[in-house]
Amino acid sequence: MEPMNVDNGGCGGLDAQIEQLMQCRPLAEQEVKALCEKAKEILMEESNVQPVKSPVTICGDIHGQFHDLVELFRIGGKCPDTNYLFMGDYVDRGYYSVETVTLLVALKVRYPHRITILRGNHESRQITQVYGFYDECLRKYGNANVWKTFTDLFDYFPLTALVESEIFCLHGGLSPSIENLDSVRSLDRVQEIQTIDVVGAYPRGAGYTFGQDISEQFNHTNNLKLVARAHQLVMEGYNWAHEQKVVTIFSAPNYCYRCGNMASILEVDDCNSHTFIQFEPAPRRGSHRNNRGIPKHYAKLEAPIAIGQCKRCCNPELRKQLCQAMPEF
């Protein structure tokens, strides 16, 4: 599929929008709608297990930390010079979820073969009503139309990716109910999150867990060398598990503007060798961020509040996930 544009001005019109977004200036509501319609056409053609060629740079959670996303591109290289794979959680918690997700979608439309954007557990209607994206859209646009446009688009994001048939990439983790890649391919992803295990599982130790026995069996069955996932704060930006057969990548430095963690990206070269690049937060720009407190969506929730927010979700599985995730995620 060729690079696409969203207006009659050719690729130049989309390039101008990307330049605007890189300056942290959101697009108009109608521009967002047109952009997402084009993105939907592209994403509809992608698989639940989207094949990706190396070299590629694999990235974890961003969570609305726009300036740190720009720093990621500065360190990892601009798209399309660098081929990128993002593993979900673009929105919620940070100040700039709108600009973050719009930029990534715009890059997907402009360079469909040079950036892959997977779905995380925060790319959902119900989660985004709790953790900030919905409120941010109301604040920046005066209505919920942009929120609805994006959450409708999220249904079409691929669930997983497969780098050179060797590295399986997904947001959350593995599940005993998913035995092989064909099981993932057969899922109906075009709906509010049903595949809770794929977007919200952990290696054994926190939340819904999968142990080394599951990862070893999955890798063996599918002839994989590595499972790469996101979803979980790790202080060095990456963390090996299961005898280096599973790796967690987290790309939001100083998460919540208070966690003090490094971020990382994983560069996979032509030979499928791996190199981690760690980075720190981008310098804060202007005083408007310094004058704010921590967003309410970052605030550590006490149990009664957490339970109350969980009860707002009508989906039993999602409610269970929210309760497990409180207060950290």
C-alpha atoms as a PDB file:
ATOM      1  CA  MET A   1       0.000   0.000   0.000  1.00  0.00           C
ATOM      2  CA  GLU A   2       1.349   3.388  -0.982  1.00  0.00           C
ATOM      3  CA  PRO A   3       1.723   6.299   1.437  1.00  0.00           C
ATOM      4  CA  MET A   4      -1.594   8.083   1.776  1.00  0.00           C
ATOM      5  CA  ASN A   5      -2.802  11.610   2.329  1.00  0.00           C
ATOM      6  CA  VAL A   6      -5.899  12.991   3.975  1.00  0.00           C
ATOM      7  CA  ASP A   7      -6.650  16.008   1.832  1.00  0.00           C
ATOM      8  CA  ASN A   8      -6.428  17.170  -1.757  1.00  0.00           C
ATOM      9  CA  GLY A   9      -2.980  18.612  -1.267  1.00  0.00           C
ATOM     10  CA  GLY A  10      -1.178  15.298  -1.746  1.00  0.00           C
ATOM     11  CA  CYS A  11       1.375  14.006   0.719  1.00  0.00           C
ATOM     12  CA  GLY A  12       2.407  17.584   1.383  1.00  0.00           C
ATOM     13  CA  GLY A  13      -0.834  18.172   3.237  1.00  0.00           C
ATOM     14  CA  LEU A  14      -0.215  15.222   5.511  1.00  0.00           C
ATOM     15  CA  ASP A  15       3.417  16.221   5.950  1.00  0.00           C
ATOM     16  CA  ALA A  16       2.245  19.643   7.113  1.00  0.00           C
ATOM     17  CA  GLN A  17      -0.060  17.996   9.629  1.00  0.00           C
ATOM     18  CA  ILE A  18       2.777  15.824  10.919  1.00  0.00           C
ATOM     19  CA  GLU A  19       4.970  18.905  11.262  1.00  0.00           C
ATOM     20  CA  GLN A  20       2.193  20.626  13.212  1.00  0.00           C
ATOM     21  CA  LEU A  21       1.807  17.611  15.471  1.00  0.00           C
ATOM     22  CA  MET A  22       5.545  17.439  16.083  1.00  0.00           C
ATOM     23  CA  GLN A  23       5.183  20.909  17.584  1.00  0.00           C
ATOM     24  CA  CYS A  24       2.567  19.493  19.984  1.00  0.00           C
ATOM     25  CA  ARG A  25      -0.254  21.349  18.239  1.00  0.00           C
ATOM     26  CA  PRO A  26      -3.380  19.191  17.850  1.00  0.00           C
ATOM     27  CA  LEU A  27      -5.285  18.903  14.595  1.00  0.00           C
ATOM     28  CA  ALA A  28      -8.797  20.207  14.110  1.00  0.00           C
ATOM     29  CA  GLU A  29     -11.650  17.812  14.803  1.00  0.00           C
ATOM     30  CA  GLN A  30     -12.496  17.298  11.125  1.00  0.00           C
ATOM     31  CA  GLU A  31      -8.836  16.678  10.309  1.00  0.00           C
ATOM     32  CA  VAL A  32      -8.697  13.985  12.977  1.00  0.00           C
ATOM     33  CA  LYS A  33     -11.823  12.360  11.577  1.00  0.00           C
ATOM     34  CA  ALA A  34     -10.441  12.306   8.022  1.00  0.00           C
ATOM     35  CA  LEU A  35      -7.086  11.000   9.241  1.00  0.00           C
ATOM     36  CA  CYS A  36      -8.693   8.160  11.174  1.00  0.00           C
ATOM     37  CA  GLU A  37     -10.828   7.166   8.187  1.00  0.00           C
ATOM     38  CA  LYS A  38      -7.674   6.722   6.113  1.00  0.00           C
ATOM     39  CA  ALA A  39      -5.967   4.886   8.957  1.00  0.00           C
ATOM     40  CA  LYS A  40      -8.926   2.518   9.228  1.00  0.00           C
ATOM     41  CA  GLU A  41      -8.533   1.578   5.555  1.00  0.00           C
ATOM     42  CA  ILE A  42      -4.915   0.634   6.207  1.00  0.00           C
ATOM     43  CA  LEU A  43      -5.450  -1.165   9.508  1.00  0.00           C
ATOM     44  CA  MET A  44      -8.342  -3.248   8.156  1.00  0.00           C
ATOM     45  CA  GLU A  45      -5.863  -4.942   5.844  1.00  0.00           C
ATOM     46  CA  GLU A  46      -3.477  -5.869   8.656  1.00  0.00           C
ATOM     47  CA  SER A  47      -3.491  -9.185  10.459  1.00  0.00           C
ATOM     48  CA  ASN A  48      -3.986  -9.999  14.133  1.00  0.00           C
ATOM     49  CA  VAL A  49      -0.413 -11.263  13.828  1.00  0.00           C
ATOM     50  CA  GLN A  50       1.072  -8.547  11.641  1.00  0.00           C
ATOM     51  CA  PRO A  51       4.336  -9.558   9.923  1.00  0.00           C
ATOM     52  CA  VAL A  52       7.175  -7.049  10.346  1.00  0.00           C
ATOM     53  CA  LYS A  53      10.559  -7.077   8.656  1.00  0.00           C
ATOM     54  CA  SER A  54      13.848  -6.222  10.299  1.00  0.00           C
ATOM     55  CA  PRO A  55      15.604  -3.955  10.924  1.00  0.00           C
ATOM     56  CA  VAL A  56      12.989  -2.563  13.277  1.00  0.00           C
ATOM     57  CA  THR A  57      12.905  -0.614  16.528  1.00  0.00           C
ATOM     58  CA  ILE A  58      10.442  -1.994  19.087  1.00  0.00           C
ATOM     59  CA  CYS A  59       8.856   0.394  21.604  1.00  0.00           C
ATOM     60  CA  GLY A  60       6.739   0.003  24.737  1.00  0.00           C
ATOM     61  CA  ASP A  61       4.179   2.189  26.514  1.00  0.00           C
ATOM     62  CA  ILE A  62       4.059   5.943  25.802  1.00  0.00           C
ATOM     63  CA  HIS A  63       0.980   6.988  27.827  1.00  0.00           C
ATOM     64  CA  GLY A  64       0.544  10.502  26.525  1.00  0.00           C
ATOM     65  CA  GLN A  65       4.108  11.607  27.307  1.00  0.00           C
ATOM     66  CA  PHE A  66       4.404  13.418  23.997  1.00  0.00           C
ATOM     67  CA  HIS A  67       7.733  15.145  24.531  1.00  0.00           C
ATOM     68  CA  ASP A  68       9.279  11.831  25.489  1.00  0.00           C
ATOM     69  CA  LEU A  69       7.919  10.345  22.251  1.00  0.00           C
ATOM     70  CA  VAL A  70       9.680  13.128  20.354  1.00  0.00           C
ATOM     71  CA  GLU A  71      12.833  12.290  22.322  1.00  0.00           C
ATOM     72  CA  LEU A  72      12.385   8.640  21.336  1.00  0.00           C
ATOM     73  CA  PHE A  73      12.317   9.647  17.668  1.00  0.00           C
ATOM     74  CA  ARG A  74      15.376  11.844  18.183  1.00  0.00           C
ATOM     75  CA  ILE A  75      17.306   8.927  19.657  1.00  0.00           C
ATOM     76  CA  GLY A  76      15.951   6.128  17.494  1.00  0.00           C
ATOM     77  CA  GLY A  77      15.715   8.048  14.239  1.00  0.00           C
ATOM     78  CA  LYS A  78      12.871   9.665  12.388  1.00  0.00           C
ATOM     79  CA  CYS A  79      10.150   7.676  10.703  1.00  0.00           C
ATOM     80  CA  PRO A  80      10.474   6.568   7.868  1.00  0.00           C
ATOM     81  CA  ASP A  81      14.276   6.445   8.197  1.00  0.00           C
ATOM     82  CA  THR A  82      13.705   4.005  11.060  1.00  0.00           C
ATOM     83  CA  ASN A  83      11.133   1.224  10.912  1.00  0.00           C
ATOM     84  CA  TYR A  84       9.092   1.297  14.149  1.00  0.00           C
ATOM     85  CA  LEU A  85       6.904  -1.152  16.019  1.00  0.00           C
ATOM     86  CA  PHE A  86       4.899   0.260  18.942  1.00  0.00           C
ATOM     87  CA  MET A  87       3.261  -2.214  21.328  1.00  0.00           C
ATOM     88  CA  GLY A  88       0.330  -0.159  22.589  1.00  0.00           C
ATOM     89  CA  ASP A  89      -0.769   2.170  25.398  1.00  0.00           C
ATOM     90  CA  TYR A  90      -0.407   5.488  23.603  1.00  0.00           C
ATOM     91  CA  VAL A  91      -3.064   7.316  25.616  1.00  0.00           C
ATOM     92  CA  ASP A  92      -4.108   7.994  29.223  1.00  0.00           C
ATOM     93  CA  ARG A  93      -2.202   9.324  32.235  1.00  0.00           C
ATOM     94  CA  GLY A  94      -0.007  11.852  30.392  1.00  0.00           C
ATOM     95  CA  TYR A  95      -0.875  15.441  29.488  1.00  0.00           C
ATOM     96  CA  TYR A  96      -0.717  14.931  25.715  1.00  0.00           C
ATOM     97  CA  SER A  97      -2.592  11.778  24.791  1.00  0.00           C
ATOM     98  CA  VAL A  98      -4.366  13.554  21.929  1.00  0.00           C
ATOM     99  CA  GLU A  99      -1.157  14.767  20.314  1.00  0.00           C
ATOM    100  CA  THR A 100       0.631  11.465  20.946  1.00  0.00           C
ATOM    101  CA  VAL A 101      -1.918   9.161  19.359  1.00  0.00           C
ATOM    102  CA  THR A 102      -2.685  11.581  16.521  1.00  0.00           C
ATOM    103  CA  LEU A 103       0.990  11.765  15.593  1.00  0.00           C
ATOM    104  CA  LEU A 104       1.394   7.989  15.572  1.00  0.00           C
ATOM    105  CA  VAL A 105      -1.738   7.524  13.473  1.00  0.00           C
ATOM    106  CA  ALA A 106      -0.592  10.248  11.065  1.00  0.00           C
ATOM    107  CA  LEU A 107       2.765   8.513  10.655  1.00  0.00           C
ATOM    108  CA  LYS A 108       0.925   5.243  10.025  1.00  0.00           C
ATOM    109  CA  VAL A 109      -1.106   6.838   7.254  1.00  0.00           C
ATOM    110  CA  ARG A 110       1.923   8.560   5.733  1.00  0.00           C
ATOM    111  CA  TYR A 111       4.298   5.590   5.982  1.00  0.00           C
ATOM    112  CA  PRO A 112       2.126   2.460   6.354  1.00  0.00           C
ATOM    113  CA  HIS A 113       5.016   0.044   5.834  1.00  0.00           C
ATOM    114  CA  ARG A 114       7.418   1.845   8.186  1.00  0.00           C
ATOM    115  CA  ILE A 115       5.428   1.927  11.397  1.00  0.00           C
ATOM    116  CA  THR A 116       3.291  -0.721  13.088  1.00  0.00           C
ATOM    117  CA  ILE A 117       0.964   0.284  15.918  1.00  0.00           C
ATOM    118  CA  LEU A 118      -0.457  -2.487  18.096  1.00  0.00           C
ATOM    119  CA  ARG A 119      -3.346  -2.287  20.521  1.00  0.00           C
ATOM    120  CA  GLY A 120      -2.747  -2.045  24.246  1.00  0.00           C
ATOM    121  CA  ASN A 121      -5.197  -2.403  27.093  1.00  0.00           C
ATOM    122  CA  HIS A 122      -5.625   1.388  27.190  1.00  0.00           C
ATOM    123  CA  GLU A 123      -6.800   1.452  23.577  1.00  0.00           C
ATOM    124  CA  SER A 124     -10.360   0.828  24.702  1.00  0.00           C
ATOM    125  CA  ARG A 125     -13.503   2.816  25.383  1.00  0.00           C
ATOM    126  CA  GLN A 126     -13.910   1.855  29.007  1.00  0.00           C
ATOM    127  CA  ILE A 127     -10.298   2.205  30.135  1.00  0.00           C
ATOM    128  CA  THR A 128      -9.950   5.640  28.517  1.00  0.00           C
ATOM    129  CA  GLN A 129     -12.988   6.900  30.403  1.00  0.00           C
ATOM    130  CA  VAL A 130     -11.206   6.162  33.672  1.00  0.00           C
ATOM    131  CA  TYR A 131      -7.594   7.145  33.000  1.00  0.00           C
ATOM    132  CA  GLY A 132      -7.765  10.470  31.216  1.00  0.00           C
ATOM    133  CA  PHE A 133      -8.050  10.308  27.425  1.00  0.00           C
ATOM    134  CA  TYR A 134     -11.790  10.945  27.448  1.00  0.00           C
ATOM    135  CA  ASP A 135     -11.430  13.953  29.745  1.00  0.00           C
ATOM    136  CA  GLU A 136      -8.532  15.314  27.695  1.00  0.00           C
ATOM    137  CA  CYS A 137     -10.592  15.160  24.496  1.00  0.00           C
ATOM    138  CA  LEU A 138     -13.424  17.023  26.211  1.00  0.00           C
ATOM    139  CA  ARG A 139     -11.005  19.659  27.455  1.00  0.00           C
ATOM    140  CA  LYS A 140      -9.233  20.197  24.131  1.00  0.00           C
ATOM    141  CA  TYR A 141     -12.180  19.886  21.729  1.00  0.00           C
ATOM    142  CA  GLY A 142     -15.198  20.756  23.846  1.00  0.00           C
ATOM    143  CA  ASN A 143     -16.948  17.481  23.035  1.00  0.00           C
ATOM    144  CA  ALA A 144     -16.323  13.731  22.896  1.00  0.00           C
ATOM    145  CA  ASN A 145     -16.258  13.388  19.102  1.00  0.00           C
ATOM    146  CA  VAL A 146     -12.480  12.972  18.827  1.00  0.00           C
ATOM    147  CA  TRP A 147     -12.518  10.435  21.659  1.00  0.00           C
ATOM    148  CA  LYS A 148     -15.192   8.436  19.822  1.00  0.00           C
ATOM    149  CA  THR A 149     -13.297   8.684  16.537  1.00  0.00           C
ATOM    150  CA  PHE A 150     -10.127   7.297  18.077  1.00  0.00           C
ATOM    151  CA  THR A 151     -11.766   4.601  20.171  1.00  0.00           C
ATOM    152  CA  ASP A 152     -13.633   3.386  17.087  1.00  0.00           C
ATOM    153  CA  LEU A 153     -10.278   3.249  15.293  1.00  0.00           C
ATOM    154  CA  PHE A 154      -8.639   1.336  18.150  1.00  0.00           C
ATOM    155  CA  ASP A 155     -10.851  -1.647  17.302  1.00  0.00           C
ATOM    156  CA  TYR A 156      -8.836  -2.084  14.105  1.00  0.00           C
ATOM    157  CA  PHE A 157      -5.343  -1.966  15.604  1.00  0.00           C
ATOM    158  CA  PRO A 158      -3.480  -5.288  15.216  1.00  0.00           C
ATOM    159  CA  LEU A 159      -3.180  -7.286  18.421  1.00  0.00           C
ATOM    160  CA  THR A 160       0.313  -8.665  17.856  1.00  0.00           C
ATOM    161  CA  ALA A 161       3.234  -8.564  15.439  1.00  0.00           C
ATOM    162  CA  LEU A 162       5.811 -11.104  14.310  1.00  0.00           C
ATOM    163  CA  VAL A 163       9.294  -9.892  13.430  1.00  0.00           C
ATOM    164  CA  GLU A 164      10.947 -12.135  10.831  1.00  0.00           C
ATOM    165  CA  SER A 165       9.019 -15.156  12.171  1.00  0.00           C
ATOM    166  CA  GLU A 166      11.221 -15.093  15.295  1.00  0.00           C
ATOM    167  CA  ILE A 167      10.152 -12.305  17.678  1.00  0.00           C
ATOM    168  CA  PHE A 168       6.535 -12.271  18.812  1.00  0.00           C
ATOM    169  CA  CYS A 169       5.453  -8.801  19.961  1.00  0.00           C
ATOM    170  CA  LEU A 170       2.314  -7.950  21.898  1.00  0.00           C
ATOM    171  CA  HIS A 171       1.212  -5.560  24.594  1.00  0.00           C
ATOM    172  CA  GLY A 172       0.442  -7.739  27.574  1.00  0.00           C
ATOM    173  CA  GLY A 173       1.512 -11.337  27.428  1.00  0.00           C
ATOM    174  CA  LEU A 174       0.654 -14.968  26.847  1.00  0.00           C
ATOM    175  CA  SER A 175      -2.311 -16.981  27.996  1.00  0.00           C
ATOM    176  CA  PRO A 176      -2.929 -20.716  28.345  1.00  0.00           C
ATOM    177  CA  SER A 177      -5.936 -20.236  26.062  1.00  0.00           C
ATOM    178  CA  ILE A 178      -3.675 -19.055  23.223  1.00  0.00           C
ATOM    179  CA  GLU A 179      -1.650 -22.064  22.160  1.00  0.00           C
ATOM    180  CA  ASN A 180      -0.310 -20.901  18.811  1.00  0.00           C
ATOM    181  CA  LEU A 181      -0.242 -17.999  16.389  1.00  0.00           C
ATOM    182  CA  ASP A 182      -3.248 -19.344  14.507  1.00  0.00           C
ATOM    183  CA  SER A 183      -5.243 -18.958  17.736  1.00  0.00           C
ATOM    184  CA  VAL A 184      -4.414 -15.255  17.682  1.00  0.00           C
ATOM    185  CA  ARG A 185      -5.135 -14.957  13.969  1.00  0.00           C
ATOM    186  CA  SER A 186      -8.610 -16.393  14.517  1.00  0.00           C
ATOM    187  CA  LEU A 187      -9.636 -13.787  17.114  1.00  0.00           C
ATOM    188  CA  ASP A 188     -12.216 -11.175  16.161  1.00  0.00           C
ATOM    189  CA  ARG A 189     -10.452  -7.985  17.168  1.00  0.00           C
ATOM    190  CA  VAL A 190     -12.894  -5.465  15.687  1.00  0.00           C
ATOM    191  CA  GLN A 191     -14.785  -4.821  18.897  1.00  0.00           C
ATOM    192  CA  GLU A 192     -14.285  -3.490  22.400  1.00  0.00           C
ATOM    193  CA  ILE A 193     -11.492  -5.459  24.021  1.00  0.00           C
ATOM    194  CA  GLN A 194     -12.328  -9.138  24.233  1.00  0.00           C
ATOM    195  CA  THR A 195      -8.783 -10.461  24.064  1.00  0.00           C
ATOM    196  CA  ILE A 196      -7.964  -9.429  27.613  1.00  0.00           C
ATOM    197  CA  ASP A 197      -5.071 -11.887  27.968  1.00  0.00           C
ATOM    198  CA  VAL A 198      -3.214 -10.629  24.904  1.00  0.00           C
ATOM    199  CA  VAL A 199      -3.329  -6.979  25.964  1.00  0.00           C
ATOM    200  CA  GLY A 200      -3.180  -7.333  29.745  1.00  0.00           C
ATOM    201  CA  ALA A 201      -1.081 -10.265  30.989  1.00  0.00           C
ATOM    202  CA  TYR A 202       2.146 -10.263  33.016  1.00  0.00           C
ATOM    203  CA  PRO A 203       5.073 -12.632  33.459  1.00  0.00           C
ATOM    204  CA  ARG A 204       4.612 -14.384  36.780  1.00  0.00           C
ATOM    205  CA  GLY A 205       4.827 -11.909  39.637  1.00  0.00           C
ATOM    206  CA  ALA A 206       1.997  -9.384  39.222  1.00  0.00           C
ATOM    207  CA  GLY A 207      -1.556  -9.197  37.916  1.00  0.00           C
ATOM    208  CA  TYR A 208      -2.673 -11.910  35.522  1.00  0.00           C
ATOM    209  CA  THR A 209       0.448 -14.027  35.161  1.00  0.00           C
ATOM    210  CA  PHE A 210       2.092 -16.398  32.748  1.00  0.00           C
ATOM    211  CA  GLY A 211       5.026 -18.502  33.840  1.00  0.00           C
ATOM    212  CA  GLN A 212       8.128 -19.809  32.142  1.00  0.00           C
ATOM    213  CA  ASP A 213       6.374 -23.069  31.338  1.00  0.00           C
ATOM    214  CA  ILE A 214       3.843 -21.198  29.204  1.00  0.00           C
ATOM    215  CA  SER A 215       6.419 -19.056  27.398  1.00  0.00           C
ATOM    216  CA  GLU A 216       8.699 -22.034  26.718  1.00  0.00           C
ATOM    217  CA  GLN A 217       5.836 -24.077  25.299  1.00  0.00           C
ATOM    218  CA  PHE A 218       4.568 -21.169  23.199  1.00  0.00           C
ATOM    219  CA  ASN A 219       8.015 -20.398  21.796  1.00  0.00           C
ATOM    220  CA  HIS A 220       8.639 -24.066  21.019  1.00  0.00           C
ATOM    221  CA  THR A 221       5.256 -24.592  19.358  1.00  0.00           C
ATOM    222  CA  ASN A 222       5.647 -21.519  17.164  1.00  0.00           C
ATOM    223  CA  ASN A 223       9.413 -21.715  16.497  1.00  0.00           C
ATOM    224  CA  LEU A 224      10.003 -18.392  18.221  1.00  0.00           C
ATOM    225  CA  LYS A 225      13.184 -17.082  19.780  1.00  0.00           C
ATOM    226  CA  LEU A 226      11.727 -14.246  21.844  1.00  0.00           C
ATOM    227  CA  VAL A 227       8.495 -12.765  23.168  1.00  0.00           C
ATOM    228  CA  ALA A 228       8.621  -8.955  23.466  1.00  0.00           C
ATOM    229  CA  ARG A 229       5.946  -7.216  25.512  1.00  0.00           C
ATOM    230  CA  ALA A 230       5.175  -3.875  27.162  1.00  0.00           C
ATOM    231  CA  HIS A 231       2.428  -3.045  29.704  1.00  0.00           C
ATOM    232  CA  GLN A 232       4.620  -3.024  32.820  1.00  0.00           C
ATOM    233  CA  LEU A 233       6.830  -0.375  34.410  1.00  0.00           C
ATOM    234  CA  VAL A 234      10.431  -1.601  34.642  1.00  0.00           C
ATOM    235  CA  MET A 235      12.950   0.758  36.183  1.00  0.00           C
ATOM    236  CA  GLU A 236      15.754   0.258  33.652  1.00  0.00           C
ATOM    237  CA  GLY A 237      13.395   0.535  30.681  1.00  0.00           C
ATOM    238  CA  TYR A 238      13.679  -3.156  29.895  1.00  0.00           C
ATOM    239  CA  ASN A 239      13.707  -6.383  31.847  1.00  0.00           C
ATOM    240  CA  TRP A 240      14.529  -9.948  30.875  1.00  0.00           C
ATOM    241  CA  ALA A 241      12.493 -12.880  32.175  1.00  0.00           C
ATOM    242  CA  HIS A 242      12.207 -16.624  31.617  1.00  0.00           C
ATOM    243  CA  GLU A 243      15.912 -17.126  30.878  1.00  0.00           C
ATOM    244  CA  GLN A 244      15.919 -14.279  28.345  1.00  0.00           C
ATOM    245  CA  LYS A 245      13.063 -15.697  26.297  1.00  0.00           C
ATOM    246  CA  VAL A 246      10.672 -12.909  27.361  1.00  0.00           C
ATOM    247  CA  VAL A 247      11.530  -9.210  27.529  1.00  0.00           C
ATOM    248  CA  THR A 248       9.503  -6.273  28.822  1.00  0.00           C
ATOM    249  CA  ILE A 249      10.068  -2.910  27.132  1.00  0.00           C
ATOM    250  CA  PHE A 250       8.819   0.339  28.659  1.00  0.00           C
ATOM    251  CA  SER A 251       9.250   3.591  26.720  1.00  0.00           C
ATOM    252  CA  ALA A 252       7.803   6.237  29.060  1.00  0.00           C
ATOM    253  CA  PRO A 253      10.717   7.671  31.098  1.00  0.00           C
ATOM    254  CA  ASN A 254      10.027   9.040  34.571  1.00  0.00           C
ATOM    255  CA  TYR A 255       6.577   7.523  34.308  1.00  0.00           C
ATOM    256  CA  CYS A 256       3.889   9.627  35.990  1.00  0.00           C
ATOM    257  CA  TYR A 257       6.488  12.420  36.207  1.00  0.00           C
ATOM    258  CA  ARG A 258       7.579  10.857  39.472  1.00  0.00           C
ATOM    259  CA  CYS A 259       8.701   7.224  39.065  1.00  0.00           C
ATOM    260  CA  GLY A 260      12.300   8.027  38.154  1.00  0.00           C
ATOM    261  CA  ASN A 261      12.608   5.152  35.690  1.00  0.00           C
ATOM    262  CA  MET A 262      14.650   4.978  32.534  1.00  0.00           C
ATOM    263  CA  ALA A 263      12.928   4.187  29.242  1.00  0.00           C
ATOM    264  CA  SER A 264      14.194   1.997  26.450  1.00  0.00           C
ATOM    265  CA  ILE A 265      13.678   0.903  22.878  1.00  0.00           C
ATOM    266  CA  LEU A 266      14.879  -2.346  21.343  1.00  0.00           C
ATOM    267  CA  GLU A 267      16.714  -2.173  18.034  1.00  0.00           C
ATOM    268  CA  VAL A 268      16.608  -5.374  15.983  1.00  0.00           C
ATOM    269  CA  ASP A 269      19.088  -5.409  13.101  1.00  0.00           C
ATOM    270  CA  ASP A 270      19.082  -7.284   9.800  1.00  0.00           C
ATOM    271  CA  CYS A 271      20.486 -10.368  11.518  1.00  0.00           C
ATOM    272  CA  ASN A 272      17.857 -10.158  14.290  1.00  0.00           C
ATOM    273  CA  SER A 273      20.486  -9.225  16.862  1.00  0.00           C
ATOM    274  CA  HIS A 274      19.170  -7.058  19.712  1.00  0.00           C
ATOM    275  CA  THR A 275      20.423  -3.765  21.111  1.00  0.00           C
ATOM    276  CA  PHE A 276      18.662  -1.828  23.866  1.00  0.00           C
ATOM    277  CA  ILE A 277      18.890   1.949  23.877  1.00  0.00           C
ATOM    278  CA  GLN A 278      17.971   3.577  27.176  1.00  0.00           C
ATOM    279  CA  PHE A 279      16.911   7.191  27.461  1.00  0.00           C
ATOM    280  CA  GLU A 280      15.821   9.711  30.054  1.00  0.00           C
ATOM    281  CA  PRO A 281      12.918  12.185  29.959  1.00  0.00           C
ATOM    282  CA  ALA A 282      12.986  14.993  27.450  1.00  0.00           C
ATOM    283  CA  PRO A 283      13.728  18.404  28.986  1.00  0.00           C
ATOM    284  CA  ARG A 284      10.552  20.023  30.177  1.00  0.00           C
ATOM    285  CA  ARG A 285       9.467  22.771  27.835  1.00  0.00           C
ATOM    286  CA  GLY A 286       7.880  25.919  29.188  1.00  0.00           C
ATOM    287  CA  SER A 287       6.384  26.565  32.566  1.00  0.00           C
ATOM    288  CA  HIS A 288       2.897  25.188  31.936  1.00  0.00           C
ATOM    289  CA  ARG A 289       3.974  21.670  32.843  1.00  0.00           C
ATOM    290  CA  ASN A 290       6.028  22.687  35.833  1.00  0.00           C
ATOM    291  CA  ASN A 291       3.114  24.610  37.311  1.00  0.00           C
ATOM    292  CA  ARG A 292       0.793  21.633  37.218  1.00  0.00           C
ATOM    293  CA  GLY A 293       0.430  19.000  39.856  1.00  0.00           C
ATOM    294  CA  ILE A 294       0.445  15.333  39.054  1.00  0.00           C
ATOM    295  CA  PRO A 295      -2.634  14.558  36.911  1.00  0.00           C
ATOM    296  CA  LYS A 296      -5.458  12.971  38.846  1.00  0.00           C
ATOM    297  CA  HIS A 297      -5.115   9.920  36.629  1.00  0.00           C
ATOM    298  CA  TYR A 298      -1.621   9.382  38.070  1.00  0.00           C
ATOM    299  CA  ALA A 299      -2.689   9.696  41.666  1.00  0.00           C
ATOM    300  CA  LYS A 300      -2.387   6.510  43.639  1.00  0.00           C
ATOM    301  CA  LEU A 301      -5.902   5.270  44.266  1.00  0.00           C
ATOM    302  CA  GLU A 302      -7.036   4.106  47.653  1.00  0.00           C
ATOM    303  CA  ALA A 303      -8.938   0.827  47.623  1.00  0.00           C
ATOM    304  CA  PRO A 304     -12.499   2.232  47.945  1.00  0.00           C
ATOM    305  CA  ILE A 305     -11.913   4.652  45.062  1.00  0.00           C
ATOM    306  CA  ALA A 306     -10.337   1.931  42.951  1.00  0.00           C
ATOM    307  CA  ILE A 307     -13.261  -0.392  43.558  1.00  0.00           C
ATOM    308  CA  GLY A 308     -15.674   2.399  42.726  1.00  0.00           C
ATOM    309  CA  GLN A 309     -13.956   3.040  39.423  1.00  0.00           C
ATOM    310  CA  CYS A 310     -13.905  -0.664  38.647  1.00  0.00           C
ATOM    311  CA  LYS A 311     -17.646  -0.810  39.204  1.00  0.00           C
ATOM    312  CA  ARG A 312     -18.153   1.840  36.525  1.00  0.00           C
ATOM    313  CA  CYS A 313     -17.168  -0.768  33.924  1.00  0.00           C
ATOM    314  CA  CYS A 314     -19.967  -3.020  32.743  1.00  0.00           C
ATOM    315  CA  ASN A 315     -17.669  -5.673  31.222  1.00  0.00           C
ATOM    316  CA  PRO A 316     -16.905  -8.287  33.922  1.00  0.00           C
ATOM    317  CA  GLU A 317     -13.526  -9.236  32.490  1.00  0.00           C
ATOM    318  CA  LEU A 318     -12.476  -5.615  32.091  1.00  0.00           C
ATOM    319  CA  ARG A 319     -13.683  -4.829  35.609  1.00  0.00           C
ATOM    320  CA  LYS A 320     -11.552  -7.703  36.883  1.00  0.00           C
ATOM    321  CA  GLN A 321      -8.557  -6.351  34.980  1.00  0.00           C
ATOM    322  CA  LEU A 322      -9.044  -2.852  36.386  1.00  0.00           C
ATOM    323  CA  CYS A 323      -9.227  -4.167  39.927  1.00  0.00           C
ATOM    324  CA  GLN A 324      -6.062  -6.201  39.411  1.00  0.00           C
ATOM    325  CA  ALA A 325      -4.322  -3.231  37.865  1.00  0.00           C
ATOM    326  CA  MET A 326      -5.055  -0.739  40.637  1.00  0.00           C
ATOM    327  CA  PRO A 327      -3.303   1.329  41.675  1.00  0.00           C
ATOM    328  CA  GLU A 328      -0.279   1.007  39.419  1.00  0.00           C
ATOM    329  CA  PHE A 329      -1.851   0.621  35.984  1.00  0.00           C
END
